[in-house]
């Protein structure tokens, strides 16, 4: 049975840069492509962001087998530590990775994680 988790991160990004780019980098790292058929193969996930000036905060809600939780978190951090993403249109977005780590799921995120996990095939299939 998949567990439900959230990973939070803090980045610095120039005003006007695309705050969705780090989430796309996470999807690329977890899934191999940001343009794939659902569900995500390793860990179905959703990345939300909020911006306050140059600071962007991310919360990645994901569902994963408990034995793979640390792998998912390592991959999220690897994607963010890369500091940039070149999108399909050739536009490069840069950021500075500040910090990240596990967080406590909010009630809304807990519901979202349950929906994400319900759409994914079980590990036994």
N, C-alpha and C. Protein backbone atom coordinates (compact mmCIF):
# COMPACT_ATOMS: atom_id res chain seq x y z
N UNK A 1 0.84 -1.19 0.00
CA UNK A 1 0.00 0.00 0.00
C UNK A 1 0.88 1.24 0.00
N UNK A 2 0.55 2.18 -0.83
CA UNK A 2 1.32 3.41 -0.93
C UNK A 2 1.06 4.32 0.26
N UNK A 3 2.14 4.95 0.74
CA UNK A 3 2.03 5.97 1.76
C UNK A 3 1.81 7.32 1.11
N UNK A 4 1.35 8.25 1.90
CA UNK A 4 1.08 9.60 1.42
C UNK A 4 2.07 10.54 2.09
N UNK A 5 2.73 11.39 1.29
CA UNK A 5 3.82 12.22 1.80
C UNK A 5 3.78 13.61 1.19
N UNK A 6 4.52 14.53 1.82
CA UNK A 6 4.75 15.85 1.25
C UNK A 6 6.21 16.22 1.51
N UNK A 7 6.80 16.87 0.51
CA UNK A 7 8.18 17.35 0.59
C UNK A 7 8.12 18.83 0.28
N UNK A 8 8.71 19.66 1.15
CA UNK A 8 8.68 21.10 0.91
C UNK A 8 10.07 21.58 0.54
N UNK A 9 10.11 22.69 -0.19
CA UNK A 9 11.39 23.26 -0.60
C UNK A 9 11.27 24.77 -0.71
N UNK A 10 12.41 25.42 -0.61
CA UNK A 10 12.49 26.86 -0.76
C UNK A 10 13.55 27.17 -1.81
N UNK A 11 13.19 28.05 -2.75
CA UNK A 11 14.08 28.44 -3.84
C UNK A 11 14.10 29.95 -3.97
N UNK A 12 15.12 30.46 -4.59
CA UNK A 12 15.15 31.85 -5.01
C UNK A 12 15.05 31.87 -6.52
N UNK A 13 14.13 32.71 -7.04
CA UNK A 13 13.93 32.82 -8.48
C UNK A 13 13.73 34.29 -8.83
N UNK A 14 14.26 34.69 -9.95
CA UNK A 14 14.09 36.07 -10.40
C UNK A 14 12.62 36.37 -10.63
N UNK A 15 12.24 37.59 -10.32
CA UNK A 15 10.87 38.02 -10.58
C UNK A 15 10.56 37.85 -12.06
N UNK A 16 9.40 37.31 -12.35
CA UNK A 16 9.00 37.11 -13.74
C UNK A 16 9.38 35.75 -14.28
N UNK A 17 10.23 35.01 -13.57
CA UNK A 17 10.57 33.66 -14.04
C UNK A 17 9.42 32.72 -13.72
N UNK A 18 9.37 31.61 -14.42
CA UNK A 18 8.26 30.66 -14.31
C UNK A 18 8.38 29.81 -13.05
N UNK A 19 7.52 30.03 -12.05
CA UNK A 19 7.61 29.24 -10.82
C UNK A 19 7.17 27.79 -11.01
N UNK A 20 6.61 27.46 -12.17
CA UNK A 20 6.24 26.08 -12.47
C UNK A 20 7.41 25.24 -12.97
N UNK A 21 8.50 25.90 -13.37
CA UNK A 21 9.65 25.17 -13.92
C UNK A 21 10.27 24.18 -12.93
N UNK A 22 10.44 24.53 -11.66
CA UNK A 22 10.99 23.53 -10.74
C UNK A 22 10.10 22.29 -10.61
N UNK A 23 8.79 22.49 -10.66
CA UNK A 23 7.88 21.34 -10.63
C UNK A 23 8.03 20.47 -11.86
N UNK A 24 8.26 21.10 -13.01
CA UNK A 24 8.51 20.33 -14.24
C UNK A 24 9.82 19.56 -14.12
N UNK A 25 10.83 20.18 -13.49
CA UNK A 25 12.11 19.48 -13.29
C UNK A 25 11.93 18.27 -12.38
N UNK A 26 11.07 18.40 -11.37
CA UNK A 26 10.77 17.28 -10.48
C UNK A 26 10.08 16.17 -11.26
N UNK A 27 9.10 16.53 -12.08
CA UNK A 27 8.40 15.53 -12.89
C UNK A 27 9.37 14.83 -13.83
N UNK A 28 10.25 15.59 -14.44
CA UNK A 28 11.25 15.01 -15.33
C UNK A 28 12.13 13.99 -14.59
N UNK A 29 12.53 14.33 -13.37
CA UNK A 29 13.37 13.43 -12.57
C UNK A 29 12.61 12.20 -12.10
N UNK A 30 11.37 12.37 -11.70
CA UNK A 30 10.59 11.24 -11.17
C UNK A 30 10.02 10.35 -12.27
N UNK A 31 9.70 10.94 -13.42
CA UNK A 31 8.96 10.21 -14.45
C UNK A 31 9.73 10.01 -15.75
N UNK A 32 10.83 10.72 -15.92
CA UNK A 32 11.60 10.60 -17.15
C UNK A 32 11.13 11.55 -18.24
N UNK A 33 9.95 12.14 -18.07
CA UNK A 33 9.40 13.08 -19.04
C UNK A 33 8.27 13.85 -18.36
N UNK A 34 8.08 15.11 -18.72
CA UNK A 34 6.93 15.83 -18.17
C UNK A 34 5.71 15.63 -19.04
N UNK A 35 5.88 14.93 -20.15
CA UNK A 35 4.78 14.67 -21.07
C UNK A 35 4.61 13.16 -21.19
N UNK A 36 3.91 12.57 -20.24
CA UNK A 36 3.72 11.12 -20.24
C UNK A 36 2.29 10.79 -19.86
N UNK A 37 1.88 9.60 -20.21
CA UNK A 37 0.55 9.13 -19.82
C UNK A 37 0.54 8.86 -18.31
N UNK A 38 -0.52 9.23 -17.62
CA UNK A 38 -0.61 8.90 -16.21
C UNK A 38 -0.79 7.39 -16.03
N UNK A 39 -0.47 6.86 -14.94
CA UNK A 39 0.06 7.52 -13.76
C UNK A 39 1.58 7.62 -13.83
N UNK A 40 2.13 8.40 -12.93
CA UNK A 40 3.59 8.50 -12.82
C UNK A 40 4.12 7.14 -12.37
N UNK A 41 5.19 6.66 -12.99
CA UNK A 41 5.65 5.31 -12.71
C UNK A 41 6.22 5.08 -11.30
N UNK A 42 6.97 6.01 -10.77
CA UNK A 42 7.59 5.82 -9.45
C UNK A 42 6.69 6.33 -8.34
N UNK A 43 6.21 7.55 -8.48
CA UNK A 43 5.45 8.17 -7.41
C UNK A 43 4.50 9.21 -7.99
N UNK A 44 3.23 8.88 -8.10
CA UNK A 44 2.27 9.89 -8.53
C UNK A 44 2.42 11.11 -7.61
N UNK A 45 2.43 12.31 -8.20
CA UNK A 45 2.72 13.49 -7.40
C UNK A 45 2.05 14.73 -7.98
N UNK A 46 2.05 15.76 -7.16
CA UNK A 46 1.57 17.08 -7.57
C UNK A 46 2.45 18.11 -6.88
N UNK A 47 2.94 19.09 -7.65
CA UNK A 47 3.77 20.14 -7.08
C UNK A 47 3.00 21.45 -7.09
N UNK A 48 2.82 22.02 -5.92
CA UNK A 48 2.21 23.33 -5.78
C UNK A 48 3.28 24.35 -5.41
N UNK A 49 3.07 25.60 -5.77
CA UNK A 49 4.05 26.63 -5.44
C UNK A 49 3.36 27.91 -4.98
N UNK A 50 4.11 28.67 -4.20
CA UNK A 50 3.69 30.02 -3.82
C UNK A 50 4.92 30.91 -3.92
N UNK A 51 4.69 32.16 -4.24
CA UNK A 51 5.80 33.10 -4.44
C UNK A 51 5.61 34.30 -3.53
N UNK A 52 6.73 34.74 -2.94
CA UNK A 52 6.77 35.97 -2.17
C UNK A 52 8.04 36.70 -2.61
N UNK A 53 7.89 37.60 -3.56
CA UNK A 53 9.06 38.28 -4.13
C UNK A 53 9.90 37.27 -4.90
N UNK A 54 11.16 37.16 -4.54
CA UNK A 54 12.06 36.21 -5.20
C UNK A 54 12.04 34.83 -4.57
N UNK A 55 11.36 34.69 -3.44
CA UNK A 55 11.30 33.38 -2.78
C UNK A 55 10.11 32.57 -3.31
N UNK A 56 10.40 31.36 -3.72
CA UNK A 56 9.35 30.44 -4.16
C UNK A 56 9.38 29.23 -3.23
N UNK A 57 8.23 28.92 -2.70
CA UNK A 57 8.09 27.74 -1.83
C UNK A 57 7.32 26.68 -2.60
N UNK A 58 7.83 25.46 -2.56
CA UNK A 58 7.18 24.33 -3.22
C UNK A 58 6.71 23.34 -2.18
N UNK A 59 5.61 22.67 -2.50
CA UNK A 59 5.14 21.53 -1.71
C UNK A 59 4.79 20.44 -2.71
N UNK A 60 5.51 19.34 -2.61
CA UNK A 60 5.32 18.21 -3.51
C UNK A 60 4.58 17.12 -2.74
N UNK A 61 3.33 16.91 -3.11
CA UNK A 61 2.52 15.85 -2.52
C UNK A 61 2.72 14.62 -3.38
N UNK A 62 3.04 13.48 -2.74
CA UNK A 62 3.26 12.27 -3.52
C UNK A 62 2.80 11.04 -2.78
N UNK A 63 2.55 10.00 -3.56
CA UNK A 63 2.18 8.69 -3.03
C UNK A 63 3.24 7.71 -3.51
N UNK A 64 3.78 6.92 -2.57
CA UNK A 64 4.83 5.98 -2.93
C UNK A 64 4.81 4.80 -1.96
N UNK A 65 5.38 3.71 -2.42
CA UNK A 65 5.58 2.58 -1.52
C UNK A 65 6.51 3.07 -0.41
N UNK A 66 6.25 2.72 0.85
CA UNK A 66 7.10 3.21 1.95
C UNK A 66 8.58 2.93 1.73
N UNK A 67 8.93 1.82 1.12
CA UNK A 67 10.34 1.49 0.88
C UNK A 67 10.98 2.43 -0.14
N UNK A 68 10.18 3.18 -0.90
CA UNK A 68 10.71 4.08 -1.94
C UNK A 68 10.61 5.56 -1.57
N UNK A 69 10.07 5.84 -0.39
CA UNK A 69 9.91 7.23 0.03
C UNK A 69 11.23 8.00 -0.03
N UNK A 70 12.30 7.46 0.54
CA UNK A 70 13.58 8.17 0.55
C UNK A 70 14.13 8.36 -0.85
N UNK A 71 13.94 7.39 -1.72
CA UNK A 71 14.38 7.54 -3.11
C UNK A 71 13.65 8.70 -3.78
N UNK A 72 12.34 8.79 -3.56
CA UNK A 72 11.56 9.88 -4.16
C UNK A 72 12.06 11.22 -3.63
N UNK A 73 12.28 11.30 -2.33
CA UNK A 73 12.76 12.55 -1.75
C UNK A 73 14.15 12.92 -2.30
N UNK A 74 15.04 11.94 -2.46
CA UNK A 74 16.37 12.20 -3.03
C UNK A 74 16.26 12.73 -4.46
N UNK A 75 15.34 12.14 -5.23
CA UNK A 75 15.16 12.58 -6.62
C UNK A 75 14.59 13.99 -6.69
N UNK A 76 13.67 14.32 -5.79
CA UNK A 76 13.13 15.69 -5.75
C UNK A 76 14.26 16.67 -5.47
N UNK A 77 15.09 16.36 -4.48
CA UNK A 77 16.20 17.25 -4.13
C UNK A 77 17.22 17.34 -5.27
N UNK A 78 17.47 16.24 -5.96
CA UNK A 78 18.39 16.25 -7.09
C UNK A 78 17.87 17.19 -8.18
N UNK A 79 16.57 17.09 -8.48
CA UNK A 79 15.99 17.95 -9.52
C UNK A 79 16.11 19.42 -9.14
N UNK A 80 15.85 19.74 -7.89
CA UNK A 80 15.91 21.14 -7.45
C UNK A 80 17.34 21.64 -7.33
N UNK A 81 18.24 20.79 -6.91
CA UNK A 81 19.65 21.19 -6.78
C UNK A 81 20.27 21.50 -8.13
N UNK A 82 19.70 20.95 -9.21
CA UNK A 82 20.20 21.23 -10.56
C UNK A 82 20.12 22.71 -10.91
N UNK A 83 19.17 23.43 -10.33
CA UNK A 83 19.10 24.87 -10.47
C UNK A 83 18.58 25.43 -11.77
N UNK A 84 18.15 24.58 -12.70
CA UNK A 84 17.61 25.12 -13.95
C UNK A 84 16.84 24.06 -14.71
N UNK A 85 16.04 24.54 -15.64
CA UNK A 85 15.30 23.66 -16.54
C UNK A 85 15.15 24.40 -17.87
N UNK A 86 15.45 23.70 -18.94
CA UNK A 86 15.17 24.22 -20.28
C UNK A 86 13.89 23.56 -20.75
N UNK A 87 12.88 24.36 -20.97
CA UNK A 87 11.57 23.85 -21.35
C UNK A 87 11.52 23.46 -22.81
N UNK A 88 10.37 22.90 -23.23
CA UNK A 88 10.24 22.43 -24.60
C UNK A 88 10.40 23.54 -25.64
N UNK A 89 10.14 24.77 -25.27
CA UNK A 89 10.29 25.88 -26.20
C UNK A 89 11.71 26.46 -26.22
N UNK A 90 12.62 25.81 -25.46
CA UNK A 90 14.00 26.27 -25.41
C UNK A 90 14.26 27.36 -24.39
N UNK A 91 13.23 27.75 -23.62
CA UNK A 91 13.40 28.79 -22.61
C UNK A 91 13.99 28.17 -21.36
N UNK A 92 15.08 28.75 -20.89
CA UNK A 92 15.76 28.24 -19.69
C UNK A 92 15.32 29.05 -18.48
N UNK A 93 14.92 28.35 -17.44
CA UNK A 93 14.54 28.98 -16.18
C UNK A 93 15.56 28.55 -15.13
N UNK A 94 16.07 29.52 -14.39
CA UNK A 94 17.07 29.26 -13.36
C UNK A 94 16.50 29.55 -11.98
N UNK A 95 17.04 28.88 -10.99
CA UNK A 95 16.69 29.14 -9.60
C UNK A 95 17.88 28.77 -8.73
N UNK A 96 17.85 29.22 -7.49
CA UNK A 96 18.83 28.85 -6.48
C UNK A 96 18.11 28.02 -5.43
N UNK A 97 18.57 26.81 -5.25
CA UNK A 97 18.00 25.89 -4.27
C UNK A 97 18.48 26.31 -2.89
N UNK A 98 17.54 26.53 -1.98
CA UNK A 98 17.90 26.95 -0.62
C UNK A 98 17.86 25.78 0.34
N UNK A 99 16.71 25.14 0.45
CA UNK A 99 16.59 24.01 1.38
C UNK A 99 15.34 23.22 1.06
N UNK A 100 15.28 22.02 1.62
CA UNK A 100 14.07 21.20 1.44
C UNK A 100 14.07 20.10 2.48
N UNK A 101 12.92 19.45 2.60
CA UNK A 101 12.81 18.34 3.52
C UNK A 101 11.37 17.90 3.70
N UNK A 102 11.18 16.82 4.45
CA UNK A 102 9.84 16.32 4.71
C UNK A 102 9.01 17.37 5.47
N UNK A 103 7.72 17.31 5.27
CA UNK A 103 6.79 18.19 5.98
C UNK A 103 5.56 17.39 6.35
N UNK A 104 4.69 18.01 7.10
CA UNK A 104 3.44 17.37 7.53
C UNK A 104 2.36 17.72 6.51
N UNK A 105 1.64 16.72 6.05
CA UNK A 105 0.54 16.93 5.12
C UNK A 105 -0.57 17.75 5.78
N UNK A 106 -1.06 18.76 5.08
CA UNK A 106 -2.25 19.46 5.53
C UNK A 106 -3.46 18.57 5.24
N UNK A 107 -4.62 18.92 5.76
CA UNK A 107 -5.82 18.12 5.49
C UNK A 107 -6.10 18.07 3.98
N UNK A 108 -5.98 19.22 3.30
CA UNK A 108 -6.24 19.26 1.86
C UNK A 108 -5.22 18.40 1.12
N UNK A 109 -3.95 18.45 1.54
CA UNK A 109 -2.92 17.64 0.89
C UNK A 109 -3.13 16.16 1.15
N UNK A 110 -3.62 15.82 2.33
CA UNK A 110 -3.91 14.42 2.65
C UNK A 110 -4.99 13.88 1.70
N UNK A 111 -6.02 14.68 1.45
CA UNK A 111 -7.07 14.29 0.51
C UNK A 111 -6.51 14.18 -0.91
N UNK A 112 -5.65 15.12 -1.28
CA UNK A 112 -5.04 15.10 -2.61
C UNK A 112 -4.17 13.86 -2.78
N UNK A 113 -3.39 13.52 -1.77
CA UNK A 113 -2.53 12.33 -1.83
C UNK A 113 -3.36 11.06 -1.97
N UNK A 114 -4.48 11.00 -1.29
CA UNK A 114 -5.36 9.83 -1.40
C UNK A 114 -5.91 9.72 -2.82
N UNK A 115 -6.29 10.84 -3.43
CA UNK A 115 -6.78 10.82 -4.82
C UNK A 115 -5.68 10.39 -5.78
N UNK A 116 -4.48 10.92 -5.57
CA UNK A 116 -3.34 10.56 -6.42
C UNK A 116 -3.07 9.07 -6.32
N UNK A 117 -3.03 8.55 -5.10
CA UNK A 117 -2.73 7.12 -4.90
C UNK A 117 -3.81 6.23 -5.49
N UNK A 118 -5.06 6.67 -5.42
CA UNK A 118 -6.17 5.85 -5.92
C UNK A 118 -6.11 5.68 -7.43
N UNK A 119 -5.54 6.64 -8.13
CA UNK A 119 -5.45 6.57 -9.59
C UNK A 119 -4.30 5.71 -10.08
N UNK A 120 -3.35 5.43 -9.19
CA UNK A 120 -2.15 4.68 -9.58
C UNK A 120 -2.37 3.19 -9.44
N UNK A 121 -1.77 2.41 -10.34
CA UNK A 121 -1.86 0.95 -10.18
C UNK A 121 -1.08 0.54 -8.94
N UNK A 122 -1.50 -0.53 -8.32
CA UNK A 122 -0.77 -1.01 -7.14
C UNK A 122 0.55 -1.61 -7.57
N UNK A 123 1.44 -1.74 -6.62
CA UNK A 123 2.78 -2.31 -6.90
C UNK A 123 2.67 -3.77 -7.28
N UNK A 124 1.58 -4.40 -6.91
CA UNK A 124 1.43 -5.82 -7.20
C UNK A 124 0.96 -6.10 -8.62
N UNK A 125 0.48 -5.07 -9.35
CA UNK A 125 -0.05 -5.31 -10.70
C UNK A 125 1.04 -5.29 -11.73
